[in-house]
Amino acid sequence: MQMFEKFKVGYAHMKLRQESTQVLRERTDPDIHRQARIGILYDATDKDDFEVVKEFFRDLKVSRKAPVSLGYIDYLEPTFHPLARPESDYFFKNQSNWYKKPNGPIVENFIDEPFDMLINLSLTDFYPLNYITAVSRAGLKIGRANSAISYCYDMSFFLDEKATLKSFAYLIIHYLSNINHERPTQSARNRSSHYYSV
């Protein structure tokens, strides 16, 4: 069983690298003032984290952004909190294939949405969230520098062990609100490396 699990992990990451190289997307500048449609991925298993993202989502809307959130619940059944919220979507552990690739209309619609910006707020690696991030068509992808998919981020953050989901979320907005950047050239837009690593 342990050998099979190792095989699954290795196969999953190999497939993800292959698929991520085939993603066609138009790179965008890291400018929160001009970007309106923001995708948010997060671990919704814990109710406290769920509440933090609700607050973050609300703050973005107050700032005249158009956030869309997708939470991953690491259980087979929704047993924690009310899910009937029109501004939020969720998927569960059983909505993935044998090597944890997520599927279903909600996931596919989120992947196909050409967000101006996609923020992966997960503090640990969950393959279903990593998969969605890597193959998303978002113009700017943001997440942790020590993530297994750091190669696909345009902007990444080094977090210490005491970092919380809330501190991470607002750290991102702080940097995006204050960053002083030059508009990248067309060649910079096409490169695979990060714009920024903080």
N, C-alpha and C. Protein backbone atom coordinates (compact mmCIF):
# COMPACT_ATOMS: atom_id res chain seq x y z
N MET A 1 0.83 -1.21 0.00
CA MET A 1 0.00 0.00 0.00
C MET A 1 0.86 1.26 0.00
N GLN A 2 1.91 1.27 0.82
CA GLN A 2 2.78 2.44 0.89
C GLN A 2 3.47 2.69 -0.45
N MET A 3 3.87 1.62 -1.13
CA MET A 3 4.51 1.75 -2.43
C MET A 3 3.53 2.34 -3.45
N PHE A 4 2.27 1.90 -3.37
CA PHE A 4 1.27 2.41 -4.30
C PHE A 4 1.01 3.89 -4.05
N GLU A 5 1.00 4.31 -2.79
CA GLU A 5 0.80 5.72 -2.46
C GLU A 5 1.93 6.57 -3.03
N LYS A 6 3.16 6.08 -2.92
CA LYS A 6 4.31 6.80 -3.47
C LYS A 6 4.18 6.91 -4.99
N PHE A 7 3.71 5.83 -5.61
CA PHE A 7 3.51 5.84 -7.05
C PHE A 7 2.47 6.89 -7.43
N LYS A 8 1.36 6.95 -6.68
CA LYS A 8 0.30 7.91 -6.96
C LYS A 8 0.81 9.34 -6.88
N VAL A 9 1.58 9.62 -5.83
CA VAL A 9 2.11 10.97 -5.64
C VAL A 9 3.04 11.34 -6.80
N GLY A 10 3.95 10.44 -7.13
CA GLY A 10 4.88 10.70 -8.22
C GLY A 10 4.18 10.87 -9.56
N TYR A 11 3.20 10.02 -9.82
CA TYR A 11 2.46 10.09 -11.08
C TYR A 11 1.66 11.39 -11.15
N ALA A 12 1.03 11.75 -10.03
CA ALA A 12 0.22 12.96 -9.99
C ALA A 12 1.05 14.20 -10.31
N HIS A 13 2.22 14.32 -9.70
CA HIS A 13 3.06 15.50 -9.93
C HIS A 13 3.64 15.50 -11.34
N MET A 14 3.92 14.33 -11.88
CA MET A 14 4.40 14.26 -13.26
C MET A 14 3.32 14.75 -14.22
N LYS A 15 2.08 14.27 -14.02
CA LYS A 15 0.98 14.67 -14.88
C LYS A 15 0.72 16.18 -14.76
N LEU A 16 0.83 16.69 -13.55
CA LEU A 16 0.56 18.11 -13.34
C LEU A 16 1.59 18.98 -14.05
N ARG A 17 2.84 18.61 -13.96
CA ARG A 17 3.87 19.38 -14.67
C ARG A 17 3.60 19.37 -16.18
N GLN A 18 3.20 18.21 -16.70
CA GLN A 18 2.92 18.10 -18.12
C GLN A 18 1.75 19.00 -18.52
N GLU A 19 0.68 18.95 -17.75
CA GLU A 19 -0.51 19.73 -18.07
C GLU A 19 -0.27 21.23 -17.90
N SER A 20 0.50 21.59 -16.90
CA SER A 20 0.73 23.02 -16.64
C SER A 20 1.50 23.69 -17.77
N THR A 21 2.35 22.94 -18.45
CA THR A 21 3.12 23.51 -19.55
C THR A 21 2.26 23.78 -20.78
N GLN A 22 1.07 23.20 -20.81
CA GLN A 22 0.19 23.36 -21.96
C GLN A 22 -0.87 24.44 -21.75
N VAL A 23 -0.85 25.09 -20.58
CA VAL A 23 -1.85 26.10 -20.28
C VAL A 23 -1.57 27.38 -21.06
N LEU A 24 -2.58 27.87 -21.75
CA LEU A 24 -2.47 29.13 -22.49
C LEU A 24 -3.15 30.22 -21.67
N ARG A 25 -2.39 31.22 -21.30
CA ARG A 25 -2.95 32.33 -20.53
C ARG A 25 -2.21 33.62 -20.86
N GLU A 26 -2.87 34.71 -20.69
CA GLU A 26 -2.28 36.02 -20.93
C GLU A 26 -1.80 36.59 -19.61
N ARG A 27 -0.48 36.72 -19.45
CA ARG A 27 0.09 37.23 -18.21
C ARG A 27 -0.36 38.66 -17.94
N THR A 28 -0.62 38.98 -16.68
CA THR A 28 -1.02 40.33 -16.29
C THR A 28 -0.07 40.86 -15.22
N ASP A 29 -0.03 42.19 -15.11
CA ASP A 29 0.84 42.83 -14.12
C ASP A 29 0.31 42.59 -12.70
N PRO A 30 1.18 42.59 -11.70
CA PRO A 30 0.73 42.49 -10.31
C PRO A 30 0.24 43.83 -9.80
N ASP A 31 -0.92 44.26 -10.28
CA ASP A 31 -1.46 45.58 -9.95
C ASP A 31 -2.89 45.43 -9.46
N ILE A 32 -3.07 45.42 -8.14
CA ILE A 32 -4.38 45.22 -7.54
C ILE A 32 -5.35 46.34 -7.89
N HIS A 33 -4.81 47.52 -8.24
CA HIS A 33 -5.67 48.67 -8.53
C HIS A 33 -6.37 48.52 -9.88
N ARG A 34 -5.77 47.79 -10.79
CA ARG A 34 -6.36 47.64 -12.12
C ARG A 34 -7.00 46.28 -12.34
N GLN A 35 -6.78 45.35 -11.43
CA GLN A 35 -7.32 44.01 -11.60
C GLN A 35 -8.59 43.84 -10.77
N ALA A 36 -9.63 43.38 -11.43
CA ALA A 36 -10.93 43.32 -10.77
C ALA A 36 -11.37 41.90 -10.42
N ARG A 37 -11.20 40.98 -11.33
CA ARG A 37 -11.72 39.63 -11.13
C ARG A 37 -10.65 38.76 -10.48
N ILE A 38 -10.88 38.37 -9.25
CA ILE A 38 -9.88 37.67 -8.46
C ILE A 38 -10.39 36.30 -8.02
N GLY A 39 -9.67 35.26 -8.36
CA GLY A 39 -10.00 33.91 -7.93
C GLY A 39 -9.28 33.60 -6.62
N ILE A 40 -9.98 32.94 -5.70
CA ILE A 40 -9.40 32.59 -4.41
C ILE A 40 -9.58 31.09 -4.17
N LEU A 41 -8.47 30.40 -3.96
CA LEU A 41 -8.49 28.99 -3.60
C LEU A 41 -8.06 28.84 -2.15
N TYR A 42 -8.71 27.95 -1.41
CA TYR A 42 -8.34 27.81 0.00
C TYR A 42 -8.83 26.48 0.56
N ASP A 43 -8.24 26.11 1.68
CA ASP A 43 -8.65 24.92 2.42
C ASP A 43 -9.83 25.30 3.31
N ALA A 44 -11.01 24.78 2.99
CA ALA A 44 -12.23 25.14 3.72
C ALA A 44 -12.61 24.10 4.76
N THR A 45 -11.71 23.19 5.07
CA THR A 45 -12.02 22.12 6.01
C THR A 45 -12.30 22.66 7.41
N ASP A 46 -11.47 23.60 7.84
CA ASP A 46 -11.60 24.16 9.18
C ASP A 46 -12.56 25.36 9.17
N LYS A 47 -13.51 25.38 10.09
CA LYS A 47 -14.51 26.44 10.10
C LYS A 47 -13.88 27.82 10.33
N ASP A 48 -12.84 27.89 11.16
CA ASP A 48 -12.19 29.18 11.41
C ASP A 48 -11.57 29.74 10.13
N ASP A 49 -10.92 28.88 9.35
CA ASP A 49 -10.34 29.32 8.08
C ASP A 49 -11.43 29.75 7.11
N PHE A 50 -12.52 29.01 7.12
CA PHE A 50 -13.67 29.36 6.29
C PHE A 50 -14.16 30.78 6.62
N GLU A 51 -14.22 31.12 7.90
CA GLU A 51 -14.67 32.44 8.32
C GLU A 51 -13.68 33.52 7.91
N VAL A 52 -12.38 33.21 7.98
CA VAL A 52 -11.36 34.17 7.56
C VAL A 52 -11.52 34.52 6.08
N VAL A 53 -11.74 33.50 5.25
CA VAL A 53 -11.89 33.74 3.82
C VAL A 53 -13.17 34.50 3.53
N LYS A 54 -14.22 34.25 4.30
CA LYS A 54 -15.45 35.02 4.16
C LYS A 54 -15.18 36.50 4.37
N GLU A 55 -14.41 36.81 5.40
CA GLU A 55 -14.06 38.21 5.70
C GLU A 55 -13.20 38.81 4.58
N PHE A 56 -12.21 38.05 4.13
CA PHE A 56 -11.33 38.49 3.05
C PHE A 56 -12.14 38.73 1.78
N PHE A 57 -13.04 37.84 1.48
CA PHE A 57 -13.91 37.94 0.32
C PHE A 57 -14.74 39.22 0.40
N ARG A 58 -15.30 39.47 1.58
CA ARG A 58 -16.13 40.66 1.78
C ARG A 58 -15.31 41.94 1.62
N ASP A 59 -14.09 41.95 2.14
CA ASP A 59 -13.23 43.13 2.01
C ASP A 59 -12.90 43.43 0.56
N LEU A 60 -12.69 42.39 -0.24
CA LEU A 60 -12.40 42.59 -1.66
C LEU A 60 -13.61 43.18 -2.38
N LYS A 61 -14.79 42.72 -2.03
CA LYS A 61 -16.00 43.26 -2.65
C LYS A 61 -16.21 44.72 -2.28
N VAL A 62 -15.91 45.06 -1.03
CA VAL A 62 -16.01 46.46 -0.60
C VAL A 62 -15.05 47.32 -1.40
N SER A 63 -13.91 46.74 -1.78
CA SER A 63 -12.90 47.46 -2.57
C SER A 63 -13.22 47.45 -4.06
N ARG A 64 -14.45 47.07 -4.38
CA ARG A 64 -14.93 47.06 -5.76
C ARG A 64 -14.23 46.04 -6.64
N LYS A 65 -13.84 44.93 -6.04
CA LYS A 65 -13.31 43.81 -6.80
C LYS A 65 -14.43 42.79 -7.01
N ALA A 66 -14.18 41.84 -7.88
CA ALA A 66 -15.16 40.78 -8.15
C ALA A 66 -14.54 39.43 -7.81
N PRO A 67 -14.45 39.11 -6.51
CA PRO A 67 -13.81 37.86 -6.11
C PRO A 67 -14.71 36.64 -6.35
N VAL A 68 -14.08 35.53 -6.64
CA VAL A 68 -14.77 34.24 -6.77
C VAL A 68 -13.95 33.24 -5.96
N SER A 69 -14.57 32.58 -4.99
CA SER A 69 -13.82 31.66 -4.14
C SER A 69 -14.21 30.22 -4.41
N LEU A 70 -13.24 29.35 -4.23
CA LEU A 70 -13.47 27.90 -4.33
C LEU A 70 -12.72 27.23 -3.20
N GLY A 71 -13.46 26.59 -2.32
CA GLY A 71 -12.86 25.94 -1.17
C GLY A 71 -12.81 24.44 -1.32
N TYR A 72 -11.76 23.85 -0.79
CA TYR A 72 -11.61 22.39 -0.79
C TYR A 72 -11.83 21.89 0.63
N ILE A 73 -12.75 20.94 0.79
CA ILE A 73 -13.03 20.34 2.09
C ILE A 73 -12.47 18.92 2.08
N ASP A 74 -11.51 18.67 2.95
CA ASP A 74 -10.77 17.41 2.95
C ASP A 74 -11.53 16.28 3.67
N TYR A 75 -12.80 16.17 3.32
CA TYR A 75 -13.67 15.11 3.83
C TYR A 75 -14.61 14.69 2.71
N LEU A 76 -15.28 13.57 2.92
CA LEU A 76 -16.19 13.07 1.90
C LEU A 76 -17.55 13.75 1.94
N GLU A 77 -17.96 14.23 3.10
CA GLU A 77 -19.28 14.82 3.23
C GLU A 77 -19.20 16.20 3.87
N PRO A 78 -20.10 17.11 3.48
CA PRO A 78 -20.15 18.44 4.09
C PRO A 78 -20.81 18.39 5.46
N THR A 79 -20.01 18.43 6.53
CA THR A 79 -20.57 18.26 7.87
C THR A 79 -20.23 19.41 8.81
N PHE A 80 -19.63 20.49 8.30
CA PHE A 80 -19.08 21.50 9.20
C PHE A 80 -19.89 22.79 9.29
N HIS A 81 -20.29 23.34 8.18
CA HIS A 81 -20.91 24.66 8.21
C HIS A 81 -21.85 24.78 7.03
N PRO A 82 -22.78 25.74 7.07
CA PRO A 82 -23.72 25.92 5.95
C PRO A 82 -22.97 26.22 4.66
N LEU A 83 -23.37 25.55 3.60
CA LEU A 83 -22.69 25.73 2.32
C LEU A 83 -23.55 26.46 1.30
N ALA A 84 -24.77 26.77 1.66
CA ALA A 84 -25.68 27.42 0.71
C ALA A 84 -25.38 28.92 0.64
N ARG A 85 -24.25 29.28 0.06
CA ARG A 85 -23.84 30.68 -0.06
C ARG A 85 -23.61 30.96 -1.55
N PRO A 86 -24.39 31.85 -2.12
CA PRO A 86 -24.32 32.05 -3.57
C PRO A 86 -22.96 32.56 -4.06
N GLU A 87 -22.17 33.21 -3.17
CA GLU A 87 -20.89 33.77 -3.60
C GLU A 87 -19.73 32.78 -3.45
N SER A 88 -20.01 31.58 -2.94
CA SER A 88 -18.94 30.63 -2.66
C SER A 88 -19.26 29.26 -3.23
N ASP A 89 -18.23 28.57 -3.66
CA ASP A 89 -18.37 27.19 -4.14
C ASP A 89 -17.39 26.31 -3.39
N TYR A 90 -17.67 25.00 -3.37
CA TYR A 90 -16.86 24.04 -2.64
C TYR A 90 -16.79 22.74 -3.40
N PHE A 91 -15.75 21.99 -3.13
CA PHE A 91 -15.71 20.62 -3.61
C PHE A 91 -15.07 19.77 -2.52
N PHE A 92 -15.27 18.46 -2.62
CA PHE A 92 -14.91 17.57 -1.54
C PHE A 92 -13.92 16.49 -1.97
N LYS A 93 -13.43 15.78 -1.01
CA LYS A 93 -12.40 14.77 -1.21
C LYS A 93 -12.81 13.72 -2.23
N ASN A 94 -14.10 13.38 -2.23
CA ASN A 94 -14.56 12.33 -3.13
C ASN A 94 -14.77 12.83 -4.56
N GLN A 95 -14.58 14.13 -4.79
CA GLN A 95 -14.74 14.68 -6.13
C GLN A 95 -13.39 14.77 -6.84
N SER A 96 -12.68 13.67 -6.82
CA SER A 96 -11.37 13.59 -7.48
C SER A 96 -11.14 12.16 -7.93
N ASN A 97 -10.19 11.98 -8.85
CA ASN A 97 -9.94 10.64 -9.36
C ASN A 97 -8.93 9.89 -8.47
N TRP A 98 -8.41 8.80 -8.95
CA TRP A 98 -7.58 7.92 -8.12
C TRP A 98 -6.27 8.56 -7.69
N TYR A 99 -5.78 9.55 -8.44
CA TYR A 99 -4.55 10.22 -8.00
C TYR A 99 -4.82 11.66 -7.55
N LYS A 100 -6.09 11.92 -7.15
CA LYS A 100 -6.53 13.16 -6.50
C LYS A 100 -6.71 14.35 -7.45
N LYS A 101 -6.78 14.11 -8.74
CA LYS A 101 -7.10 15.17 -9.68
C LYS A 101 -8.57 15.53 -9.52
N PRO A 102 -8.89 16.78 -9.18
CA PRO A 102 -10.30 17.16 -8.94
C PRO A 102 -11.09 17.22 -10.23
N ASN A 103 -12.38 16.98 -10.13
CA ASN A 103 -13.24 17.04 -11.30
C ASN A 103 -14.62 17.53 -10.93
N GLY A 104 -15.45 17.70 -11.92
CA GLY A 104 -16.80 18.20 -11.71
C GLY A 104 -16.98 19.59 -12.30
N PRO A 105 -18.22 19.98 -12.58
CA PRO A 105 -18.51 21.27 -13.23
C PRO A 105 -17.96 22.48 -12.48
N ILE A 106 -18.06 22.48 -11.14
CA ILE A 106 -17.59 23.63 -10.36
C ILE A 106 -16.09 23.83 -10.54
N VAL A 107 -15.35 22.73 -10.46
CA VAL A 107 -13.90 22.79 -10.63
C VAL A 107 -13.53 23.20 -12.05
N GLU A 108 -14.18 22.61 -13.03
CA GLU A 108 -13.86 22.90 -14.42
C GLU A 108 -14.16 24.35 -14.78
N ASN A 109 -15.27 24.87 -14.27
CA ASN A 109 -15.63 26.27 -14.55
C ASN A 109 -14.61 27.22 -13.93
N PHE A 110 -14.14 26.89 -12.73
CA PHE A 110 -13.16 27.73 -12.06
C PHE A 110 -11.84 27.72 -12.84
N ILE A 111 -11.41 26.57 -13.30
CA ILE A 111 -10.17 26.45 -14.06
C ILE A 111 -10.24 27.26 -15.35
N ASP A 112 -11.39 27.22 -16.01
CA ASP A 112 -11.52 27.88 -17.31
C ASP A 112 -11.72 29.39 -17.21
N GLU A 113 -12.03 29.89 -16.02
CA GLU A 113 -12.27 31.32 -15.86
C GLU A 113 -10.95 32.10 -15.97
N PRO A 114 -10.86 33.04 -16.90
CA PRO A 114 -9.61 33.81 -17.07
C PRO A 114 -9.50 34.94 -16.05
N PHE A 115 -9.30 34.59 -14.80
CA PHE A 115 -9.18 35.61 -13.74
C PHE A 115 -8.02 36.55 -14.04
N ASP A 116 -8.17 37.80 -13.59
CA ASP A 116 -7.03 38.71 -13.64
C ASP A 116 -5.94 38.21 -12.70
N MET A 117 -6.37 37.63 -11.59
CA MET A 117 -5.45 37.19 -10.55
C MET A 117 -6.02 35.96 -9.85
N LEU A 118 -5.16 35.00 -9.53
CA LEU A 118 -5.57 33.82 -8.76
C LEU A 118 -4.67 33.72 -7.54
N ILE A 119 -5.29 33.65 -6.36
CA ILE A 119 -4.56 33.54 -5.10
C ILE A 119 -4.84 32.19 -4.48
N ASN A 120 -3.80 31.40 -4.29
CA ASN A 120 -3.92 30.12 -3.57
C ASN A 120 -3.52 30.39 -2.12
N LEU A 121 -4.51 30.40 -1.23
CA LEU A 121 -4.26 30.75 0.17
C LEU A 121 -3.92 29.54 1.05
N SER A 122 -3.80 28.37 0.49
CA SER A 122 -3.52 27.20 1.31
C SER A 122 -2.13 27.30 1.93
N LEU A 123 -2.04 26.96 3.22
CA LEU A 123 -0.76 27.03 3.94
C LEU A 123 0.00 25.72 3.86
N THR A 124 -0.66 24.67 3.40
CA THR A 124 -0.01 23.38 3.16
C THR A 124 -0.43 22.91 1.78
N ASP A 125 0.29 21.93 1.26
CA ASP A 125 -0.01 21.45 -0.08
C ASP A 125 -1.17 20.45 -0.08
N PHE A 126 -2.21 20.79 -0.82
CA PHE A 126 -3.30 19.87 -1.12
C PHE A 126 -3.29 19.69 -2.63
N TYR A 127 -3.12 18.47 -3.09
CA TYR A 127 -2.98 18.26 -4.54
C TYR A 127 -4.18 18.81 -5.32
N PRO A 128 -5.42 18.63 -4.87
CA PRO A 128 -6.54 19.17 -5.64
C PRO A 128 -6.45 20.69 -5.84
N LEU A 129 -6.03 21.43 -4.80
CA LEU A 129 -5.87 22.88 -4.94
C LEU A 129 -4.67 23.22 -5.81
N ASN A 130 -3.59 22.46 -5.64
CA ASN A 130 -2.41 22.69 -6.47
C ASN A 130 -2.72 22.45 -7.95
N TYR A 131 -3.50 21.42 -8.21
CA TYR A 131 -3.86 21.11 -9.60
C TYR A 131 -4.62 22.27 -10.23
N ILE A 132 -5.64 22.74 -9.53
CA ILE A 132 -6.46 23.83 -10.07
C ILE A 132 -5.60 25.07 -10.32
N THR A 133 -4.71 25.38 -9.38
CA THR A 133 -3.83 26.54 -9.53
C THR A 133 -2.95 26.40 -10.76
N ALA A 134 -2.33 25.25 -10.91
CA ALA A 134 -1.34 25.06 -11.98
C ALA A 134 -1.96 25.11 -13.37
N VAL A 135 -3.19 24.62 -13.52
CA VAL A 135 -3.79 24.59 -14.86
C VAL A 135 -4.77 25.73 -15.10
N SER A 136 -4.93 26.61 -14.12
CA SER A 136 -5.82 27.76 -14.28
C SER A 136 -5.32 28.69 -15.39
N ARG A 137 -6.27 29.39 -16.01
CA ARG A 137 -5.93 30.35 -17.07
C ARG A 137 -5.72 31.75 -16.52
N ALA A 138 -5.65 31.90 -15.21
CA ALA A 138 -5.50 33.22 -14.59
C ALA A 138 -4.25 33.94 -15.09
N GLY A 139 -4.35 35.26 -15.20
CA GLY A 139 -3.23 36.05 -15.71
C GLY A 139 -2.09 36.20 -14.72
N LEU A 140 -2.39 36.19 -13.44
CA LEU A 140 -1.37 36.30 -12.40
C LEU A 140 -1.67 35.27 -11.32
N LYS A 141 -0.68 34.44 -10.99
CA LYS A 141 -0.87 33.39 -9.99
C LYS A 141 0.01 33.66 -8.79
N ILE A 142 -0.59 33.58 -7.60
CA ILE A 142 0.10 33.93 -6.36
C ILE A 142 -0.06 32.81 -5.34
N GLY A 143 1.04 32.51 -4.63
CA GLY A 143 0.97 31.48 -3.59
C GLY A 143 2.24 31.42 -2.77
N ARG A 144 2.42 30.32 -2.04
CA ARG A 144 3.57 30.15 -1.16
C ARG A 144 4.82 29.78 -1.97
N ALA A 145 5.96 30.33 -1.55
CA ALA A 145 7.22 30.04 -2.22
C ALA A 145 7.67 28.60 -1.98
N ASN A 146 7.25 28.00 -0.86
CA ASN A 146 7.68 26.64 -0.56
C ASN A 146 6.64 25.60 -0.97
N SER A 147 5.74 25.98 -1.85
CA SER A 147 4.73 25.06 -2.34
C SER A 147 5.35 24.09 -3.35
N ALA A 148 4.72 22.93 -3.48
CA ALA A 148 5.18 21.94 -4.47
C ALA A 148 5.00 22.45 -5.89
N ILE A 149 4.17 23.48 -6.07
CA ILE A 149 3.95 24.04 -7.42
C ILE A 149 4.46 25.48 -7.51
N SER A 150 5.48 25.80 -6.74
CA SER A 150 6.03 27.16 -6.79
C SER A 150 6.48 27.54 -8.19
N TYR A 151 6.79 26.55 -9.03
CA TYR A 151 7.24 26.82 -10.39
C TYR A 151 6.16 27.49 -11.24
N CYS A 152 4.91 27.42 -10.83
CA CYS A 152 3.85 27.99 -11.66
C CYS A 152 3.40 29.36 -11.16
N TYR A 153 3.97 29.84 -10.05
CA TYR A 153 3.56 31.13 -9.50
C TYR A 153 4.31 32.28 -10.17
N ASP A 154 3.60 33.37 -10.40
CA ASP A 154 4.21 34.60 -10.90
C ASP A 154 4.66 35.48 -9.74
N MET A 155 4.05 35.25 -8.58
CA MET A 155 4.43 35.98 -7.37
C MET A 155 4.30 35.01 -6.20
N SER A 156 5.37 34.87 -5.43
CA SER A 156 5.35 33.91 -4.33
C SER A 156 5.89 34.53 -3.05
N PHE A 157 5.42 34.00 -1.93
CA PHE A 157 5.75 34.56 -0.62
C PHE A 157 6.37 33.49 0.28
N PHE A 158 7.48 33.86 0.91
CA PHE A 158 8.08 33.00 1.92
C PHE A 158 7.37 33.27 3.25
N LEU A 159 6.82 32.23 3.86
CA LEU A 159 6.09 32.38 5.11
C LEU A 159 6.83 31.68 6.24
N ASP A 160 6.78 32.27 7.44
CA ASP A 160 7.39 31.58 8.57
C ASP A 160 6.38 30.60 9.18
N GLU A 161 6.81 29.83 10.14
CA GLU A 161 5.97 28.78 10.71
C GLU A 161 4.77 29.33 11.46
N LYS A 162 4.82 30.59 11.86
CA LYS A 162 3.73 31.18 12.62
C LYS A 162 2.67 31.84 11.73
N ALA A 163 2.87 31.80 10.45
CA ALA A 163 1.93 32.44 9.53
C ALA A 163 0.56 31.80 9.62
N THR A 164 -0.46 32.63 9.54
CA THR A 164 -1.84 32.15 9.52
C THR A 164 -2.45 32.47 8.17
N LEU A 165 -3.59 31.87 7.92
CA LEU A 165 -4.26 32.14 6.66
C LEU A 165 -4.60 33.63 6.54
N LYS A 166 -5.05 34.23 7.64
CA LYS A 166 -5.42 35.64 7.62
C LYS A 166 -4.21 36.53 7.36
N SER A 167 -3.10 36.26 8.04
CA SER A 167 -1.91 37.09 7.83
C SER A 167 -1.38 36.94 6.40
N PHE A 168 -1.47 35.74 5.85
CA PHE A 168 -1.03 35.50 4.48
C PHE A 168 -1.89 36.28 3.49
N ALA A 169 -3.21 36.20 3.67
CA ALA A 169 -4.14 36.86 2.74
C ALA A 169 -3.89 38.37 2.71
N TYR A 170 -3.77 38.97 3.88
CA TYR A 170 -3.63 40.43 3.91
C TYR A 170 -2.20 40.88 3.61
N LEU A 171 -1.22 39.99 3.79
CA LEU A 171 0.14 40.28 3.34
C LEU A 171 0.17 40.43 1.82
N ILE A 172 -0.53 39.54 1.14
CA ILE A 172 -0.60 39.61 -0.32
C ILE A 172 -1.20 40.93 -0.77
N ILE A 173 -2.32 41.30 -0.17
CA ILE A 173 -2.99 42.55 -0.56
C ILE A 173 -2.11 43.75 -0.23
N HIS A 174 -1.41 43.69 0.90
CA HIS A 174 -0.51 44.79 1.27
C HIS A 174 0.56 45.00 0.20
N TYR A 175 1.20 43.92 -0.23
CA TYR A 175 2.26 44.05 -1.23
C TYR A 175 1.71 44.47 -2.58
N LEU A 176 0.57 43.93 -2.95
CA LEU A 176 -0.02 44.29 -4.24
C LEU A 176 -0.46 45.75 -4.25
N SER A 177 -0.86 46.26 -3.11
CA SER A 177 -1.33 47.65 -3.03
C SER A 177 -0.19 48.65 -3.05
N ASN A 178 1.00 48.20 -2.62
CA ASN A 178 2.12 49.14 -2.47
C ASN A 178 3.28 48.90 -3.42
N ILE A 179 3.18 47.84 -4.20
CA ILE A 179 4.31 47.49 -5.05
C ILE A 179 4.56 48.56 -6.11
N ASN A 180 5.82 48.84 -6.34
CA ASN A 180 6.22 49.81 -7.34
C ASN A 180 6.92 49.05 -8.45
N HIS A 181 6.22 48.85 -9.54
CA HIS A 181 6.78 48.01 -10.60
C HIS A 181 6.76 48.73 -11.93
N GLU A 182 7.58 48.25 -12.83
CA GLU A 182 7.56 48.71 -14.20
C GLU A 182 6.74 47.72 -15.00
N ARG A 183 6.09 48.20 -16.02
CA ARG A 183 5.31 47.29 -16.86
C ARG A 183 6.27 46.34 -17.56
N PRO A 184 6.03 45.02 -17.47
CA PRO A 184 6.94 44.06 -18.07
C PRO A 184 6.87 44.09 -19.60
N THR A 185 7.95 43.73 -20.21
CA THR A 185 7.97 43.64 -21.66
C THR A 185 7.22 42.39 -22.09
N GLN A 186 7.00 42.28 -23.41
CA GLN A 186 6.29 41.10 -23.91
C GLN A 186 7.06 39.82 -23.59
N SER A 187 8.40 39.90 -23.66
CA SER A 187 9.19 38.70 -23.36
C SER A 187 9.06 38.33 -21.90
N ALA A 188 8.94 39.33 -21.03
CA ALA A 188 8.76 39.05 -19.60
C ALA A 188 7.41 38.40 -19.36
N ARG A 189 6.40 38.81 -20.12
CA ARG A 189 5.08 38.22 -19.96
C ARG A 189 5.09 36.73 -20.30
N ASN A 190 5.96 36.35 -21.23
CA ASN A 190 5.97 34.96 -21.70
C ASN A 190 6.88 34.04 -20.90
N ARG A 191 7.65 34.60 -19.98
CA ARG A 191 8.60 33.76 -19.27
C ARG A 191 7.89 32.91 -18.23
N SER A 192 8.55 31.86 -17.76
CA SER A 192 7.92 30.93 -16.82
C SER A 192 8.35 31.21 -15.39
N SER A 193 9.32 32.10 -15.18
CA SER A 193 9.78 32.38 -13.82
C SER A 193 8.86 33.38 -13.13
N HIS A 194 9.09 33.58 -11.81
CA HIS A 194 8.27 34.50 -11.04
C HIS A 194 8.51 35.94 -11.45
N TYR A 195 7.47 36.77 -11.30
CA TYR A 195 7.69 38.21 -11.34
C TYR A 195 8.36 38.63 -10.03
N TYR A 196 7.81 38.13 -8.93
CA TYR A 196 8.28 38.54 -7.62
C TYR A 196 8.31 37.35 -6.67
N SER A 197 9.30 37.39 -5.79
CA SER A 197 9.35 36.42 -4.70
C SER A 197 9.63 37.22 -3.43
N VAL A 198 8.71 37.16 -2.48
CA VAL A 198 8.80 38.03 -1.30
C VAL A 198 9.04 37.20 -0.05
